[in-house]
PDB file of N, CA and C in Angstrom:
ATOM      1  N   GLU A   1     -86.461  31.553 -65.776  1.00  0.00           N
ATOM      2  CA  GLU A   1     -85.321  31.947 -64.643  1.00  0.00           C
ATOM      3  C   GLU A   1     -85.274  30.943 -63.465  1.00  0.00           C
ATOM      4  N   CYS A   2     -86.212  30.668 -63.365  1.00  0.00           N
ATOM      5  CA  CYS A   2     -86.328  29.689 -62.308  1.00  0.00           C
ATOM      6  C   CYS A   2     -85.267  28.235 -62.350  1.00  0.00           C
ATOM      7  N   PHE A   3     -85.282  27.804 -63.681  1.00  0.00           N
ATOM      8  CA  PHE A   3     -84.241  26.639 -63.967  1.00  0.00           C
ATOM      9  C   PHE A   3     -82.610  27.454 -64.025  1.00  0.00           C
ATOM     10  N   HIS A   4     -82.592  28.286 -64.180  1.00  0.00           N
ATOM     11  CA  HIS A   4     -81.452  28.912 -63.959  1.00  0.00           C
ATOM     12  C   HIS A   4     -80.600  28.573 -62.528  1.00  0.00           C
ATOM     13  N   LEU A   5     -81.732  29.358 -61.266  1.00  0.00           N
ATOM     14  CA  LEU A   5     -81.026  29.367 -60.145  1.00  0.00           C
ATOM     15  C   LEU A   5     -80.613  28.368 -59.403  1.00  0.00           C
ATOM     16  N   PRO A   6     -81.135  26.912 -59.542  1.00  0.00           N
ATOM     17  CA  PRO A   6     -80.137  25.911 -59.110  1.00  0.00           C
ATOM     18  C   PRO A   6     -78.907  25.406 -59.717  1.00  0.00           C
ATOM     19  N   ASN A   7     -78.841  26.009 -61.075  1.00  0.00           N
ATOM     20  CA  ASN A   7     -77.415  25.999 -61.529  1.00  0.00           C
ATOM     21  C   ASN A   7     -76.465  27.180 -60.979  1.00  0.00           C
ATOM     22  N   VAL A   8     -77.221  28.284 -60.553  1.00  0.00           N
ATOM     23  CA  VAL A   8     -76.305  29.320 -59.900  1.00  0.00           C
ATOM     24  C   VAL A   8     -75.441  28.708 -58.326  1.00  0.00           C
ATOM     25  N   ALA A   9     -76.631  28.084 -57.973  1.00  0.00           N
ATOM     26  CA  ALA A   9     -76.366  27.565 -56.307  1.00  0.00           C
ATOM     27  C   ALA A   9     -75.336  26.365 -56.772  1.00  0.00           C
ATOM     28  N   GLU A  10     -75.644  25.540 -57.014  1.00  0.00           N
ATOM     29  CA  GLU A  10     -74.616  24.637 -57.350  1.00  0.00           C
ATOM     30  C   GLU A  10     -73.117  24.874 -57.796  1.00  0.00           C
ATOM     31  N   GLU A  11     -73.342  25.808 -58.969  1.00  0.00           N
ATOM     32  CA  GLU A  11     -71.795  26.669 -58.830  1.00  0.00           C
ATOM     33  C   GLU A  11     -70.848  27.496 -58.051  1.00  0.00           C
ATOM     34  N   THR A  12     -72.181  28.171 -57.411  1.00  0.00           N
ATOM     35  CA  THR A  12     -71.514  29.126 -55.990  1.00  0.00           C
ATOM     36  C   THR A  12     -70.846  27.740 -55.258  1.00  0.00           C
ATOM     37  N   MET A  13     -71.458  26.396 -54.777  1.00  0.00           N
ATOM     38  CA  MET A  13     -71.178  25.345 -53.783  1.00  0.00           C
ATOM     39  C   MET A  13     -69.786  25.026 -54.227  1.00  0.00           C
ATOM     40  N   ARG A  14     -69.735  24.677 -55.702  1.00  0.00           N
ATOM     41  CA  ARG A  14     -68.373  23.757 -56.036  1.00  0.00           C
ATOM     42  C   ARG A  14     -67.602  24.765 -56.006  1.00  0.00           C
ATOM     43  N   ALA A  15     -67.295  26.369 -55.849  1.00  0.00           N
ATOM     44  CA  ALA A  15     -66.529  27.650 -56.109  1.00  0.00           C
ATOM     45  C   ALA A  15     -66.029  27.529 -54.797  1.00  0.00           C
ATOM     46  N   LYS A  16     -67.024  27.485 -53.994  1.00  0.00           N
ATOM     47  CA  LYS A  16     -66.530  27.768 -52.409  1.00  0.00           C
ATOM     48  C   LYS A  16     -66.022  26.263 -51.915  1.00  0.00           C
ATOM     49  N   GLN A  17     -66.161  25.062 -52.392  1.00  0.00           N
ATOM     50  CA  GLN A  17     -65.619  24.149 -51.908  1.00  0.00           C
ATOM     51  C   GLN A  17     -64.269  23.945 -52.917  1.00  0.00           C
ATOM     52  N   MET A  18     -63.966  24.394 -53.961  1.00  0.00           N
ATOM     53  CA  MET A  18     -62.582  24.582 -54.562  1.00  0.00           C
ATOM     54  C   MET A  18     -62.040  25.030 -53.578  1.00  0.00           C
ATOM     55  N   LEU A  19     -62.334  26.647 -53.042  1.00  0.00           N
ATOM     56  CA  LEU A  19     -61.645  27.443 -52.369  1.00  0.00           C
ATOM     57  C   LEU A  19     -60.923  27.047 -50.770  1.00  0.00           C
ATOM     58  N   ALA A  20     -61.837  26.488 -50.785  1.00  0.00           N
ATOM     59  CA  ALA A  20     -61.836  25.444 -49.285  1.00  0.00           C
ATOM     60  C   ALA A  20     -60.680  24.620 -49.301  1.00  0.00           C
ATOM     61  N   THR A  21     -60.723  23.552 -50.578  1.00  0.00           N
ATOM     62  CA  THR A  21     -59.505  22.299 -50.553  1.00  0.00           C
ATOM     63  C   THR A  21     -58.136  23.076 -51.086  1.00  0.00           C
ATOM     64  N   MET A  22     -58.316  24.474 -51.789  1.00  0.00           N
ATOM     65  CA  MET A  22     -56.950  25.097 -52.487  1.00  0.00           C
ATOM     66  C   MET A  22     -56.370  25.817 -50.792  1.00  0.00           C
ATOM     67  N   SER A  23     -57.632  26.672 -50.066  1.00  0.00           N
ATOM     68  CA  SER A  23     -56.777  26.608 -48.612  1.00  0.00           C
ATOM     69  C   SER A  23     -56.017  25.605 -47.573  1.00  0.00           C
ATOM     70  N   HIS A  24     -56.869  24.536 -47.666  1.00  0.00           N
ATOM     71  CA  HIS A  24     -56.066  23.339 -46.976  1.00  0.00           C
ATOM     72  C   HIS A  24     -54.956  23.101 -47.593  1.00  0.00           C
ATOM     73  N   GLU A  25     -54.973  22.747 -48.852  1.00  0.00           N
ATOM     74  CA  GLU A  25     -53.772  22.627 -49.898  1.00  0.00           C
ATOM     75  C   GLU A  25     -52.306  23.692 -49.411  1.00  0.00           C
ATOM     76  N   ILE A  26     -52.560  24.687 -49.354  1.00  0.00           N
ATOM     77  CA  ILE A  26     -51.962  25.720 -49.296  1.00  0.00           C
ATOM     78  C   ILE A  26     -51.287  25.758 -47.424  1.00  0.00           C
ATOM     79  N   ARG A  27     -52.029  25.324 -46.918  1.00  0.00           N
ATOM     80  CA  ARG A  27     -51.868  25.743 -45.566  1.00  0.00           C
ATOM     81  C   ARG A  27     -51.167  24.471 -44.738  1.00  0.00           C
ATOM     82  N   SER A  28     -51.880  23.135 -45.087  1.00  0.00           N
ATOM     83  CA  SER A  28     -50.791  22.167 -44.584  1.00  0.00           C
ATOM     84  C   SER A  28     -49.331  22.329 -44.703  1.00  0.00           C
ATOM     85  N   PRO A  29     -48.829  22.656 -45.681  1.00  0.00           N
ATOM     86  CA  PRO A  29     -47.231  22.817 -45.761  1.00  0.00           C
ATOM     87  C   PRO A  29     -46.611  23.668 -45.022  1.00  0.00           C
ATOM     88  N   LEU A  30     -47.683  24.805 -45.758  1.00  0.00           N
ATOM     89  CA  LEU A  30     -46.825  26.089 -44.710  1.00  0.00           C
ATOM     90  C   LEU A  30     -46.571  25.890 -43.018  1.00  0.00           C
ATOM     91  N   SER A  31     -47.802  25.082 -42.503  1.00  0.00           N
ATOM     92  CA  SER A  31     -48.034  24.932 -41.381  1.00  0.00           C
ATOM     93  C   SER A  31     -46.261  24.120 -40.862  1.00  0.00           C
ATOM     94  N   GLY A  32     -46.262  22.912 -41.639  1.00  0.00           N
ATOM     95  CA  GLY A  32     -44.934  22.132 -41.107  1.00  0.00           C
ATOM     96  C   GLY A  32     -43.712  23.157 -41.656  1.00  0.00           C
ATOM     97  N   VAL A  33     -43.954  24.336 -42.408  1.00  0.00           N
ATOM     98  CA  VAL A  33     -42.476  24.757 -42.919  1.00  0.00           C
ATOM     99  C   VAL A  33     -42.542  25.721 -41.485  1.00  0.00           C
ATOM    100  N   LEU A  34     -43.329  26.125 -40.775  1.00  0.00           N
ATOM    101  CA  LEU A  34     -43.408  27.339 -40.032  1.00  0.00           C
ATOM    102  C   LEU A  34     -43.063  26.455 -38.477  1.00  0.00           C
ATOM    103  N   SER A  35     -43.853  25.106 -38.601  1.00  0.00           N
ATOM    104  CA  SER A  35     -42.874  24.797 -37.138  1.00  0.00           C
ATOM    105  C   SER A  35     -41.610  24.379 -37.265  1.00  0.00           C
ATOM    106  N   MET A  36     -41.183  23.968 -38.376  1.00  0.00           N
ATOM    107  CA  MET A  36     -39.276  23.663 -38.805  1.00  0.00           C
ATOM    108  C   MET A  36     -38.872  24.754 -38.325  1.00  0.00           C
ATOM    109  N   ALA A  37     -39.435  26.120 -38.866  1.00  0.00           N
ATOM    110  CA  ALA A  37     -38.760  27.606 -38.434  1.00  0.00           C
ATOM    111  C   ALA A  37     -38.752  27.923 -36.894  1.00  0.00           C
ATOM    112  N   GLU A  38     -40.026  27.502 -36.331  1.00  0.00           N
ATOM    113  CA  GLU A  38     -39.778  27.570 -34.845  1.00  0.00           C
ATOM    114  C   GLU A  38     -38.756  26.952 -33.994  1.00  0.00           C
ATOM    115  N   ILE A  39     -38.709  25.196 -34.482  1.00  0.00           N
ATOM    116  CA  ILE A  39     -37.757  24.434 -34.354  1.00  0.00           C
ATOM    117  C   ILE A  39     -36.298  25.262 -34.175  1.00  0.00           C
ATOM    118  N   LEU A  40     -36.224  26.051 -35.492  1.00  0.00           N
ATOM    119  CA  LEU A  40     -35.059  26.423 -35.894  1.00  0.00           C
ATOM    120  C   LEU A  40     -34.662  27.721 -34.945  1.00  0.00           C
ATOM    121  N   ALA A  41     -35.253  28.597 -34.936  1.00  0.00           N
ATOM    122  CA  ALA A  41     -35.015  30.042 -33.997  1.00  0.00           C
ATOM    123  C   ALA A  41     -34.616  29.307 -32.883  1.00  0.00           C
ATOM    124  N   ALA A  42     -34.832  27.931 -32.091  1.00  0.00           N
ATOM    125  CA  ALA A  42     -34.260  27.421 -30.477  1.00  0.00           C
ATOM    126  C   ALA A  42     -32.647  27.309 -30.673  1.00  0.00           C
ATOM    127  N   THR A  43     -32.003  27.174 -31.834  1.00  0.00           N
ATOM    128  CA  THR A  43     -30.940  26.861 -32.523  1.00  0.00           C
ATOM    129  C   THR A  43     -29.596  27.940 -32.595  1.00  0.00           C
ATOM    130  N   LYS A  44     -28.593  27.772 -32.245  1.00  0.00           N
ATOM    131  CA  LYS A  44     -27.739  28.723 -32.609  1.00  0.00           C
ATOM    132  C   LYS A  44     -27.316  29.598 -34.104  1.00  0.00           C
ATOM    133  N   LEU A  45     -28.072  30.690 -33.937  1.00  0.00           N
ATOM    134  CA  LEU A  45     -28.141  31.266 -35.190  1.00  0.00           C
ATOM    135  C   LEU A  45     -26.996  32.416 -35.301  1.00  0.00           C
ATOM    136  N   ASP A  46     -26.515  32.896 -35.851  1.00  0.00           N
ATOM    137  CA  ASP A  46     -25.855  34.474 -36.018  1.00  0.00           C
ATOM    138  C   ASP A  46     -27.056  35.149 -36.667  1.00  0.00           C
ATOM    139  N   LYS A  47     -26.289  36.486 -36.335  1.00  0.00           N
ATOM    140  CA  LYS A  47     -27.155  37.785 -36.493  1.00  0.00           C
ATOM    141  C   LYS A  47     -28.646  37.614 -38.050  1.00  0.00           C
ATOM    142  N   GLU A  48     -27.466  37.400 -39.053  1.00  0.00           N
ATOM    143  CA  GLU A  48     -28.125  37.482 -40.096  1.00  0.00           C
ATOM    144  C   GLU A  48     -29.249  36.245 -40.134  1.00  0.00           C
ATOM    145  N   GLN A  49     -28.992  35.191 -39.984  1.00  0.00           N
ATOM    146  CA  GLN A  49     -29.346  34.115 -40.203  1.00  0.00           C
ATOM    147  C   GLN A  49     -31.056  34.254 -38.992  1.00  0.00           C
ATOM    148  N   TYR A  50     -30.914  34.995 -37.942  1.00  0.00           N
ATOM    149  CA  TYR A  50     -31.951  35.081 -37.203  1.00  0.00           C
ATOM    150  C   TYR A  50     -32.870  35.933 -37.608  1.00  0.00           C
ATOM    151  N   GLN A  51     -32.110  36.939 -38.223  1.00  0.00           N
ATOM    152  CA  GLN A  51     -32.895  38.096 -39.027  1.00  0.00           C
ATOM    153  C   GLN A  51     -33.961  37.389 -40.405  1.00  0.00           C
ATOM    154  N   LEU A  52     -33.151  36.578 -40.559  1.00  0.00           N
ATOM    155  CA  LEU A  52     -34.057  36.155 -41.893  1.00  0.00           C
ATOM    156  C   LEU A  52     -35.164  35.010 -41.565  1.00  0.00           C
ATOM    157  N   LEU A  53     -34.833  34.458 -40.361  1.00  0.00           N
ATOM    158  CA  LEU A  53     -35.993  33.501 -40.047  1.00  0.00           C
ATOM    159  C   LEU A  53     -36.983  34.368 -39.471  1.00  0.00           C
ATOM    160  N   GLU A  54     -37.013  35.264 -38.760  1.00  0.00           N
ATOM    161  CA  GLU A  54     -37.795  36.293 -38.260  1.00  0.00           C
ATOM    162  C   GLU A  54     -39.086  36.702 -39.681  1.00  0.00           C
ATOM    163  N   VAL A  55     -37.879  36.905 -40.620  1.00  0.00           N
ATOM    164  CA  VAL A  55     -39.061  37.256 -41.610  1.00  0.00           C
ATOM    165  C   VAL A  55     -39.617  36.199 -41.751  1.00  0.00           C
ATOM    166  N   MET A  56     -39.084  34.768 -41.783  1.00  0.00           N
ATOM    167  CA  MET A  56     -39.863  33.997 -42.497  1.00  0.00           C
ATOM    168  C   MET A  56     -41.257  33.607 -41.638  1.00  0.00           C
ATOM    169  N   LEU A  57     -40.442  33.832 -39.919  1.00  0.00           N
ATOM    170  CA  LEU A  57     -41.783  33.176 -39.141  1.00  0.00           C
ATOM    171  C   LEU A  57     -42.860  34.471 -39.320  1.00  0.00           C
ATOM    172  N   SER A  58     -42.794  35.220 -39.404  1.00  0.00           N
ATOM    173  CA  SER A  58     -43.471  36.908 -39.349  1.00  0.00           C
ATOM    174  C   SER A  58     -44.743  36.492 -41.126  1.00  0.00           C
ATOM    175  N   SER A  59     -43.925  36.476 -41.787  1.00  0.00           N
ATOM    176  CA  SER A  59     -44.473  36.177 -43.177  1.00  0.00           C
ATOM    177  C   SER A  59     -45.235  35.272 -43.021  1.00  0.00           C
ATOM    178  N   GLY A  60     -45.919  34.100 -42.385  1.00  0.00           N
ATOM    179  CA  GLY A  60     -46.469  33.084 -41.847  1.00  0.00           C
ATOM    180  C   GLY A  60     -47.758  33.848 -41.213  1.00  0.00           C
ATOM    181  N   ASP A  61     -47.758  34.655 -40.960  1.00  0.00           N
ATOM    182  CA  ASP A  61     -48.281  35.161 -39.975  1.00  0.00           C
ATOM    183  C   ASP A  61     -49.981  35.679 -40.601  1.00  0.00           C
TER     184      ASP A  61
END
């Protein structure tokens, strides 16, 4: 059973690294989209466009 523990620790470390990588890969493009949405908010929008933009911005929080 002592031989099994290093494998579990190694697998756990790989899983944590994979989650960190996935999180980064998702956050980076999302950050760009939200930044562009904030820029769009400074433009002239009609009521419906502004409501849709608010949904977009609140969904990124």
